[in-house]
N, C-alpha and C. Protein backbone atom coordinates (compact mmCIF):
# COMPACT_ATOMS: atom_id res chain seq x y z
N UNK A 1 110.90 41.43 -3.75
CA UNK A 1 110.67 40.07 -4.21
C UNK A 1 110.16 39.21 -3.06
N UNK A 2 109.04 38.61 -3.26
CA UNK A 2 108.42 37.78 -2.22
C UNK A 2 109.27 36.57 -1.87
N UNK A 3 109.97 36.00 -2.83
CA UNK A 3 110.75 34.79 -2.55
C UNK A 3 111.92 35.04 -1.60
N UNK A 4 112.22 36.29 -1.28
CA UNK A 4 113.29 36.62 -0.34
C UNK A 4 112.78 36.80 1.08
N UNK A 5 111.45 36.72 1.29
CA UNK A 5 110.90 36.85 2.65
C UNK A 5 111.02 35.50 3.35
N UNK A 6 111.82 35.46 4.39
CA UNK A 6 112.03 34.23 5.14
C UNK A 6 110.92 34.01 6.15
N UNK A 7 110.49 35.11 6.81
CA UNK A 7 109.52 34.95 7.89
C UNK A 7 108.75 36.24 8.12
N UNK A 8 107.47 36.09 8.44
CA UNK A 8 106.67 37.18 8.99
C UNK A 8 106.30 36.70 10.38
N UNK A 9 106.73 37.46 11.36
CA UNK A 9 106.50 37.03 12.73
C UNK A 9 105.94 38.14 13.60
N UNK A 10 105.49 37.72 14.77
CA UNK A 10 104.98 38.65 15.76
C UNK A 10 105.76 38.45 17.05
N UNK A 11 106.10 39.55 17.69
CA UNK A 11 106.82 39.50 18.95
C UNK A 11 105.96 40.14 20.03
N UNK A 12 106.11 39.63 21.26
CA UNK A 12 105.39 40.20 22.39
C UNK A 12 106.37 40.41 23.53
N UNK A 13 106.35 41.61 24.08
CA UNK A 13 107.22 41.95 25.19
C UNK A 13 106.36 42.19 26.43
N UNK A 14 106.28 41.18 27.31
CA UNK A 14 105.50 41.33 28.54
C UNK A 14 106.20 42.31 29.48
N UNK A 15 105.46 43.29 29.98
CA UNK A 15 106.05 44.29 30.86
C UNK A 15 105.48 44.17 32.27
N UNK A 16 106.32 44.52 33.23
CA UNK A 16 105.91 44.67 34.62
C UNK A 16 106.10 46.14 34.94
N UNK A 17 105.01 46.88 34.97
CA UNK A 17 105.07 48.33 35.16
C UNK A 17 105.67 48.72 36.51
N UNK A 18 105.32 48.01 37.55
CA UNK A 18 105.80 48.35 38.90
C UNK A 18 107.30 48.15 39.03
N UNK A 19 107.79 47.04 38.58
CA UNK A 19 109.22 46.73 38.73
C UNK A 19 110.07 47.24 37.57
N UNK A 20 109.41 47.79 36.52
CA UNK A 20 110.11 48.29 35.32
C UNK A 20 110.96 47.18 34.69
N UNK A 21 110.30 46.03 34.46
CA UNK A 21 110.99 44.88 33.88
C UNK A 21 110.21 44.32 32.70
N UNK A 22 110.93 43.56 31.88
CA UNK A 22 110.36 42.88 30.72
C UNK A 22 110.78 41.42 30.77
N UNK A 23 109.86 40.55 30.41
CA UNK A 23 110.13 39.11 30.41
C UNK A 23 110.81 38.70 29.11
N UNK A 24 111.92 37.97 29.23
CA UNK A 24 112.61 37.42 28.07
C UNK A 24 112.67 35.91 28.22
N UNK A 25 112.95 35.23 27.11
CA UNK A 25 113.04 33.77 27.15
C UNK A 25 114.30 33.30 26.44
N UNK A 26 114.80 32.15 26.88
CA UNK A 26 115.97 31.53 26.27
C UNK A 26 115.50 30.39 25.38
N UNK A 27 115.90 30.44 24.12
CA UNK A 27 115.47 29.43 23.16
C UNK A 27 116.02 28.05 23.53
N UNK A 28 115.20 27.05 23.34
CA UNK A 28 115.61 25.67 23.58
C UNK A 28 116.80 25.32 22.68
N UNK A 29 117.65 24.46 23.14
CA UNK A 29 118.78 23.99 22.33
C UNK A 29 118.29 23.12 21.17
N UNK A 30 117.03 22.70 21.20
CA UNK A 30 116.45 21.89 20.12
C UNK A 30 116.05 22.74 18.91
N UNK A 31 116.03 24.07 19.09
CA UNK A 31 115.59 24.96 18.02
C UNK A 31 116.58 24.93 16.85
N UNK A 32 116.04 24.97 15.63
CA UNK A 32 116.87 24.96 14.42
C UNK A 32 117.67 26.25 14.28
N UNK A 33 117.02 27.38 14.55
CA UNK A 33 117.67 28.67 14.42
C UNK A 33 117.93 29.28 15.79
N UNK A 34 119.13 29.78 15.99
CA UNK A 34 119.53 30.50 17.20
C UNK A 34 119.30 29.71 18.50
N UNK A 35 119.65 28.41 18.53
CA UNK A 35 119.46 27.65 19.77
C UNK A 35 120.26 28.26 20.92
N UNK A 36 119.62 28.33 22.09
CA UNK A 36 120.30 28.81 23.28
C UNK A 36 120.42 30.32 23.42
N UNK A 37 119.97 31.08 22.43
CA UNK A 37 120.01 32.53 22.54
C UNK A 37 118.76 33.04 23.24
N UNK A 38 118.88 34.20 23.85
CA UNK A 38 117.75 34.85 24.50
C UNK A 38 116.95 35.62 23.47
N UNK A 39 115.65 35.76 23.72
CA UNK A 39 114.77 36.44 22.77
C UNK A 39 113.53 36.96 23.47
N UNK A 40 112.74 37.69 22.70
CA UNK A 40 111.42 38.10 23.16
C UNK A 40 110.44 36.99 22.78
N UNK A 41 109.29 36.97 23.43
CA UNK A 41 108.26 35.96 23.16
C UNK A 41 107.68 36.21 21.77
N UNK A 42 107.36 35.15 21.05
CA UNK A 42 106.72 35.34 19.75
C UNK A 42 106.97 34.19 18.80
N UNK A 43 106.55 34.38 17.56
CA UNK A 43 106.73 33.34 16.58
C UNK A 43 106.16 33.73 15.23
N UNK A 44 106.09 32.75 14.36
CA UNK A 44 105.68 32.97 12.98
C UNK A 44 104.17 33.16 12.85
N UNK A 45 103.82 34.08 11.99
CA UNK A 45 102.43 34.30 11.62
C UNK A 45 101.96 33.14 10.75
N UNK A 46 100.83 32.56 11.11
CA UNK A 46 100.28 31.46 10.31
C UNK A 46 99.38 32.03 9.22
N UNK A 47 99.28 31.33 8.10
CA UNK A 47 98.48 31.80 6.98
C UNK A 47 97.04 32.03 7.43
N UNK A 48 96.50 33.21 7.12
CA UNK A 48 95.13 33.56 7.46
C UNK A 48 94.96 34.17 8.84
N UNK A 49 96.03 34.24 9.62
CA UNK A 49 95.98 34.74 10.99
C UNK A 49 96.30 36.24 11.00
N UNK A 50 95.62 36.99 11.88
CA UNK A 50 96.01 38.40 12.00
C UNK A 50 97.06 38.51 13.11
N UNK A 51 97.71 39.68 13.18
CA UNK A 51 98.84 39.85 14.07
C UNK A 51 98.48 39.64 15.54
N UNK A 52 97.37 40.21 15.97
CA UNK A 52 96.98 40.07 17.38
C UNK A 52 96.64 38.62 17.73
N UNK A 53 95.99 37.92 16.81
CA UNK A 53 95.69 36.50 17.06
C UNK A 53 96.98 35.69 17.15
N UNK A 54 97.96 36.04 16.35
CA UNK A 54 99.27 35.37 16.40
C UNK A 54 99.90 35.57 17.78
N UNK A 55 99.88 36.81 18.27
CA UNK A 55 100.46 37.09 19.59
C UNK A 55 99.74 36.29 20.68
N UNK A 56 98.43 36.31 20.67
CA UNK A 56 97.65 35.59 21.68
C UNK A 56 97.98 34.10 21.64
N UNK A 57 98.06 33.52 20.44
CA UNK A 57 98.37 32.09 20.30
C UNK A 57 99.80 31.80 20.77
N UNK A 58 100.76 32.59 20.34
CA UNK A 58 102.15 32.34 20.70
C UNK A 58 102.39 32.48 22.20
N UNK A 59 101.80 33.48 22.82
CA UNK A 59 101.96 33.67 24.26
C UNK A 59 101.35 32.49 25.01
N UNK A 60 100.21 32.01 24.56
CA UNK A 60 99.58 30.84 25.18
C UNK A 60 100.48 29.61 25.01
N UNK A 61 101.00 29.40 23.78
CA UNK A 61 101.84 28.24 23.51
C UNK A 61 103.17 28.28 24.25
N UNK A 62 103.77 29.44 24.34
CA UNK A 62 105.12 29.54 24.88
C UNK A 62 105.19 29.71 26.40
N UNK A 63 104.27 30.51 26.97
CA UNK A 63 104.34 30.75 28.42
C UNK A 63 103.01 30.57 29.14
N UNK A 64 102.01 30.04 28.42
CA UNK A 64 100.70 29.71 28.99
C UNK A 64 100.06 30.87 29.75
N UNK A 65 100.02 32.03 29.09
CA UNK A 65 99.44 33.23 29.71
C UNK A 65 98.42 33.90 28.81
N UNK A 66 97.58 34.68 29.47
CA UNK A 66 96.68 35.60 28.78
C UNK A 66 97.27 37.00 28.90
N UNK A 67 96.83 37.90 28.02
CA UNK A 67 97.40 39.24 27.93
C UNK A 67 96.35 40.30 28.25
N UNK A 68 96.80 41.39 28.88
CA UNK A 68 95.94 42.58 29.00
C UNK A 68 96.72 43.79 28.50
N UNK A 69 95.98 44.76 28.01
CA UNK A 69 96.56 46.01 27.51
C UNK A 69 97.54 45.78 26.37
N UNK A 70 97.17 44.98 25.39
CA UNK A 70 98.03 44.71 24.22
C UNK A 70 98.11 45.97 23.36
N UNK A 71 99.34 46.44 23.12
CA UNK A 71 99.57 47.66 22.33
C UNK A 71 100.67 47.42 21.30
N UNK A 72 100.51 48.02 20.14
CA UNK A 72 101.53 47.92 19.09
C UNK A 72 102.78 48.68 19.54
N UNK A 73 103.93 48.08 19.35
CA UNK A 73 105.21 48.69 19.72
C UNK A 73 105.98 49.18 18.50
N UNK A 74 106.13 48.27 17.50
CA UNK A 74 107.02 48.58 16.38
C UNK A 74 106.82 47.54 15.28
N UNK A 75 107.03 47.97 14.05
CA UNK A 75 107.03 47.05 12.90
C UNK A 75 108.33 47.27 12.16
N UNK A 76 108.94 46.18 11.71
CA UNK A 76 110.23 46.33 11.05
C UNK A 76 110.50 45.22 10.05
N UNK A 77 111.38 45.55 9.13
CA UNK A 77 111.95 44.54 8.23
C UNK A 77 113.43 44.47 8.58
N UNK A 78 113.93 43.27 8.81
CA UNK A 78 115.33 43.07 9.14
C UNK A 78 115.93 42.16 8.07
N UNK A 79 117.16 42.40 7.71
CA UNK A 79 117.79 41.65 6.63
C UNK A 79 118.98 40.87 7.17
N UNK A 80 118.95 39.55 6.98
CA UNK A 80 120.02 38.66 7.40
C UNK A 80 120.28 37.66 6.28
N UNK A 81 121.52 37.50 5.92
CA UNK A 81 121.90 36.50 4.91
C UNK A 81 121.07 36.61 3.64
N UNK A 82 120.87 37.84 3.16
CA UNK A 82 120.15 38.10 1.92
C UNK A 82 118.67 37.71 1.98
N UNK A 83 118.13 37.61 3.19
CA UNK A 83 116.71 37.32 3.37
C UNK A 83 116.08 38.40 4.24
N UNK A 84 114.78 38.62 4.07
CA UNK A 84 114.05 39.62 4.84
C UNK A 84 113.17 38.93 5.88
N UNK A 85 113.26 39.45 7.10
CA UNK A 85 112.44 38.98 8.21
C UNK A 85 111.57 40.15 8.65
N UNK A 86 110.27 39.99 8.61
CA UNK A 86 109.34 41.04 8.99
C UNK A 86 108.80 40.71 10.38
N UNK A 87 108.85 41.68 11.28
CA UNK A 87 108.35 41.47 12.64
C UNK A 87 107.40 42.60 13.02
N UNK A 88 106.25 42.21 13.56
CA UNK A 88 105.29 43.14 14.12
C UNK A 88 105.34 42.90 15.63
N UNK A 89 105.74 43.93 16.39
CA UNK A 89 105.96 43.76 17.83
C UNK A 89 104.89 44.49 18.64
N UNK A 90 104.51 43.86 19.73
CA UNK A 90 103.53 44.39 20.68
C UNK A 90 104.10 44.30 22.08
N UNK A 91 103.51 45.06 22.99
CA UNK A 91 103.84 44.93 24.40
C UNK A 91 102.55 44.96 25.20
N UNK A 92 102.62 44.53 26.43
CA UNK A 92 101.45 44.51 27.30
C UNK A 92 101.77 43.78 28.59
N UNK A 93 100.73 43.55 29.35
CA UNK A 93 100.90 42.89 30.65
C UNK A 93 100.32 41.48 30.61
N UNK A 94 100.81 40.65 31.49
CA UNK A 94 100.33 39.27 31.60
C UNK A 94 99.27 39.18 32.70
N UNK A 95 98.25 38.37 32.44
CA UNK A 95 97.22 38.13 33.44
C UNK A 95 97.53 36.92 34.32
N UNK A 96 98.49 36.13 33.90
CA UNK A 96 98.81 34.89 34.60
C UNK A 96 100.31 34.82 34.89
N UNK A 97 100.68 33.94 35.80
CA UNK A 97 102.10 33.70 36.06
C UNK A 97 102.63 32.82 34.92
N UNK A 98 103.73 33.24 34.28
CA UNK A 98 104.24 32.47 33.14
C UNK A 98 104.78 31.09 33.54
N UNK A 99 104.38 30.10 32.75
CA UNK A 99 104.90 28.74 32.85
C UNK A 99 105.33 28.37 31.43
N UNK A 100 106.64 28.20 31.23
CA UNK A 100 107.11 28.06 29.86
C UNK A 100 107.05 26.63 29.32
N UNK A 101 106.87 26.56 28.01
CA UNK A 101 106.83 25.31 27.25
C UNK A 101 108.27 24.85 27.05
N UNK A 102 108.64 23.75 27.66
CA UNK A 102 110.03 23.29 27.65
C UNK A 102 110.52 22.81 26.28
N UNK A 103 109.60 22.58 25.34
CA UNK A 103 110.01 22.23 23.98
C UNK A 103 110.49 23.47 23.23
N UNK A 104 109.98 24.63 23.61
CA UNK A 104 110.29 25.90 22.94
C UNK A 104 111.35 26.70 23.68
N UNK A 105 111.27 26.67 25.01
CA UNK A 105 112.03 27.58 25.86
C UNK A 105 112.76 26.79 26.95
N UNK A 106 114.00 27.20 27.24
CA UNK A 106 114.73 26.52 28.32
C UNK A 106 114.74 27.33 29.62
N UNK A 107 114.40 28.63 29.52
CA UNK A 107 114.43 29.48 30.71
C UNK A 107 113.70 30.80 30.40
N UNK A 108 113.12 31.40 31.43
CA UNK A 108 112.55 32.75 31.29
C UNK A 108 113.11 33.61 32.42
N UNK A 109 113.13 34.93 32.18
CA UNK A 109 113.68 35.82 33.19
C UNK A 109 113.12 37.22 33.00
N UNK A 110 112.73 37.85 34.11
CA UNK A 110 112.34 39.26 34.09
C UNK A 110 113.62 40.07 34.23
N UNK A 111 113.82 41.06 33.35
CA UNK A 111 115.04 41.86 33.41
C UNK A 111 114.71 43.36 33.38
N UNK A 112 115.63 44.13 33.94
CA UNK A 112 115.58 45.58 33.86
C UNK A 112 116.43 46.04 32.69
N UNK A 113 116.26 47.28 32.30
CA UNK A 113 116.98 47.82 31.14
C UNK A 113 118.50 47.73 31.32
N UNK A 114 118.97 47.90 32.54
CA UNK A 114 120.41 47.86 32.80
C UNK A 114 121.02 46.48 32.56
N UNK A 115 120.19 45.46 32.41
CA UNK A 115 120.68 44.10 32.21
C UNK A 115 120.77 43.67 30.73
N UNK A 116 120.41 44.54 29.82
CA UNK A 116 120.37 44.17 28.40
C UNK A 116 121.69 43.62 27.88
N UNK A 117 122.80 44.12 28.37
CA UNK A 117 124.10 43.65 27.88
C UNK A 117 124.55 42.34 28.52
N UNK A 118 123.78 41.84 29.48
CA UNK A 118 124.15 40.60 30.19
C UNK A 118 123.74 39.33 29.45
N UNK A 119 123.01 39.47 28.32
CA UNK A 119 122.46 38.31 27.62
C UNK A 119 122.85 38.31 26.15
N UNK A 120 122.95 37.12 25.60
CA UNK A 120 123.24 36.96 24.17
C UNK A 120 121.89 36.80 23.46
N UNK A 121 121.42 37.87 22.80
CA UNK A 121 120.09 37.91 22.19
C UNK A 121 120.12 37.54 20.71
N UNK A 122 118.98 37.08 20.24
CA UNK A 122 118.76 36.87 18.81
C UNK A 122 118.88 38.22 18.09
N UNK A 123 119.27 38.20 16.82
CA UNK A 123 119.41 39.46 16.08
C UNK A 123 118.13 40.31 16.12
N UNK A 124 118.30 41.59 16.42
CA UNK A 124 117.18 42.53 16.41
C UNK A 124 116.39 42.64 17.69
N UNK A 125 116.55 41.71 18.62
CA UNK A 125 115.72 41.72 19.82
C UNK A 125 116.09 42.83 20.80
N UNK A 126 117.37 43.20 20.86
CA UNK A 126 117.76 44.28 21.76
C UNK A 126 117.08 45.59 21.34
N UNK A 127 116.97 45.81 20.04
CA UNK A 127 116.27 47.00 19.52
C UNK A 127 114.83 47.04 20.04
N UNK A 128 114.13 45.90 19.96
CA UNK A 128 112.74 45.83 20.44
C UNK A 128 112.67 46.05 21.94
N UNK A 129 113.60 45.46 22.67
CA UNK A 129 113.61 45.63 24.12
C UNK A 129 113.84 47.10 24.51
N UNK A 130 114.74 47.77 23.84
CA UNK A 130 114.99 49.19 24.13
C UNK A 130 113.74 50.03 23.87
N UNK A 131 113.03 49.74 22.78
CA UNK A 131 111.79 50.45 22.48
C UNK A 131 110.73 50.19 23.56
N UNK A 132 110.64 48.95 24.01
CA UNK A 132 109.66 48.61 25.05
C UNK A 132 110.02 49.26 26.39
N UNK A 133 111.30 49.29 26.73
CA UNK A 133 111.68 49.98 27.98
C UNK A 133 111.36 51.47 27.89
N UNK A 134 111.56 52.08 26.72
CA UNK A 134 111.23 53.50 26.55
C UNK A 134 109.73 53.71 26.78
N UNK A 135 108.89 52.83 26.25
CA UNK A 135 107.43 52.93 26.46
C UNK A 135 107.10 52.73 27.95
N UNK A 136 107.78 51.79 28.57
CA UNK A 136 107.53 51.49 29.98
C UNK A 136 107.80 52.71 30.85
N UNK A 137 108.87 53.43 30.57
CA UNK A 137 109.19 54.62 31.36
C UNK A 137 108.31 55.80 30.96
N UNK A 138 107.98 55.89 29.69
CA UNK A 138 107.13 56.97 29.18
C UNK A 138 105.73 56.92 29.77
N UNK A 139 105.20 55.71 29.96
CA UNK A 139 103.83 55.52 30.42
C UNK A 139 103.71 55.48 31.95
N UNK A 140 104.82 55.56 32.64
CA UNK A 140 104.78 55.49 34.11
C UNK A 140 104.42 56.82 34.72
């Protein structure tokens, strides 16, 4: 049923191949959903937009960066409170030093896989991070 779809979104996991780290962000306390939780970069797909364009736009809006080597990571449907959330996730490298949008994000941090349990993440994001770390090690 279409009326049960809450969101179609795109996620981007910026990787640092040399340091084996991924960039995460902390949601602003002004956010309606999950304020103050850590998450991967991304956002809602706009009507008429394709997934890669959504990622490029969201990365520019949230951390003011361009992307290189954009690759599909995972697609999933997640169910919360009787609603379905669809996420198309990508990973890649950043061409610029991230500068975050303070209206969206309160903090950013590069983390290693061993640090995943140190943060309170939005639902489903740890799964995406584990998949991205697996790709990071697989491609090294």
